[in-house]
Amino acid sequence: MLSAVEVVFTAASISPLALKVVNKDGYGTALEAMETIKDVGQALGPIAMGAILVFTTYKLAFIIAALVTLTILLLTIILHSRK
């Protein structure tokens, strides 16, 4: 679970970044899509971690979560550098 500080910093920075990539007519759609993705992630994250924990230890489960996060970060950097 995220701490209150992490939630505040994430909420404060994500919305402006989402709005930066769309024109003014798409603000509502961008914010709706962002919130939907966030909600799906919050719902599926614990389920995925539980499924991983069935087959591994806590240490390995968190290593897997970190590797997935780093992979997504690298893909995001690569895809945005092509623009």
Protein backbone atom coordinates (compact mmCIF):
# COMPACT_ATOMS: atom_id res chain seq x y z
CA MET A 1 0.00 0.00 0.00
CA LEU A 2 1.26 3.47 -0.85
CA SER A 3 1.94 5.93 1.92
CA ALA A 4 0.00 9.20 2.03
CA VAL A 5 3.05 11.13 0.83
CA GLU A 6 3.48 8.88 -2.22
CA VAL A 7 -0.18 9.22 -3.13
CA VAL A 8 -0.09 13.01 -2.85
CA PHE A 9 3.03 13.37 -4.99
CA THR A 10 1.73 10.91 -7.58
CA ALA A 11 -1.68 12.54 -7.81
CA ALA A 12 -0.13 16.00 -8.08
CA SER A 13 2.25 15.11 -10.90
CA ILE A 14 0.38 12.60 -13.05
CA SER A 15 -2.60 14.74 -14.07
CA PRO A 16 -0.54 17.62 -15.54
CA LEU A 17 1.62 15.11 -17.41
CA ALA A 18 -1.44 13.43 -18.89
CA LEU A 19 -2.85 16.79 -19.95
CA LYS A 20 0.45 17.84 -21.51
CA VAL A 21 0.18 15.24 -24.29
CA VAL A 22 -3.35 16.13 -25.46
CA ASN A 23 -5.03 19.25 -26.80
CA LYS A 24 -7.61 21.13 -24.73
CA ASP A 25 -10.53 19.29 -26.33
CA GLY A 26 -9.15 15.96 -25.07
CA TYR A 27 -8.58 16.91 -21.41
CA GLY A 28 -11.66 15.06 -20.15
CA THR A 29 -10.86 11.93 -22.13
CA ALA A 30 -7.23 11.96 -21.02
CA LEU A 31 -8.14 12.29 -17.35
CA GLU A 32 -10.80 9.58 -17.62
CA ALA A 33 -8.37 7.20 -19.31
CA MET A 34 -5.69 7.93 -16.71
CA GLU A 35 -8.08 7.28 -13.82
CA THR A 36 -9.36 4.08 -15.43
CA ILE A 37 -5.83 2.76 -15.92
CA LYS A 38 -4.97 3.66 -12.33
CA ASP A 39 -8.07 1.90 -10.99
CA VAL A 40 -7.38 -1.23 -13.04
CA GLY A 41 -3.80 -1.27 -11.78
CA GLN A 42 -4.92 -0.89 -8.17
CA ALA A 43 -7.38 -3.75 -8.62
CA LEU A 44 -5.11 -6.13 -10.50
CA GLY A 45 -1.87 -5.37 -8.63
CA PRO A 46 -2.76 -7.26 -5.44
CA ILE A 47 -4.22 -10.13 -7.46
CA ALA A 48 -1.05 -10.40 -9.55
CA MET A 49 1.18 -10.23 -6.47
CA GLY A 50 -0.93 -12.91 -4.77
CA ALA A 51 -0.61 -15.15 -7.82
CA ILE A 52 3.16 -14.64 -7.85
CA LEU A 53 3.39 -15.37 -4.12
CA VAL A 54 1.71 -18.74 -4.59
CA PHE A 55 4.79 -19.89 -6.51
CA THR A 56 7.60 -17.81 -4.98
CA THR A 57 8.83 -16.13 -1.82
CA TYR A 58 8.16 -12.52 -0.80
CA LYS A 59 11.68 -11.48 -1.74
CA LEU A 60 11.41 -12.92 -5.24
CA ALA A 61 7.91 -11.50 -5.68
CA PHE A 62 9.15 -7.97 -4.94
CA ILE A 63 12.13 -8.48 -7.24
CA ILE A 64 9.72 -9.50 -10.01
CA ALA A 65 7.56 -6.43 -9.32
CA ALA A 66 10.65 -4.20 -9.46
CA LEU A 67 11.78 -5.76 -12.75
CA VAL A 68 8.33 -5.27 -14.29
CA THR A 69 8.34 -1.64 -13.15
CA LEU A 70 11.82 -1.02 -14.56
CA THR A 71 10.86 -2.68 -17.84
CA ILE A 72 7.81 -0.42 -18.18
CA LEU A 73 9.96 2.61 -17.34
CA LEU A 74 12.52 1.70 -20.01
CA LEU A 75 9.81 1.07 -22.61
CA THR A 76 8.23 4.42 -21.79
CA ILE A 77 11.57 6.21 -22.19
CA ILE A 78 12.30 4.42 -25.48
CA LEU A 79 8.85 5.06 -26.94
CA HIS A 80 8.82 8.73 -25.95
CA SER A 81 12.32 9.34 -27.29
CA ARG A 82 11.12 8.34 -30.78
CA LYS A 83 8.73 11.31 -31.01
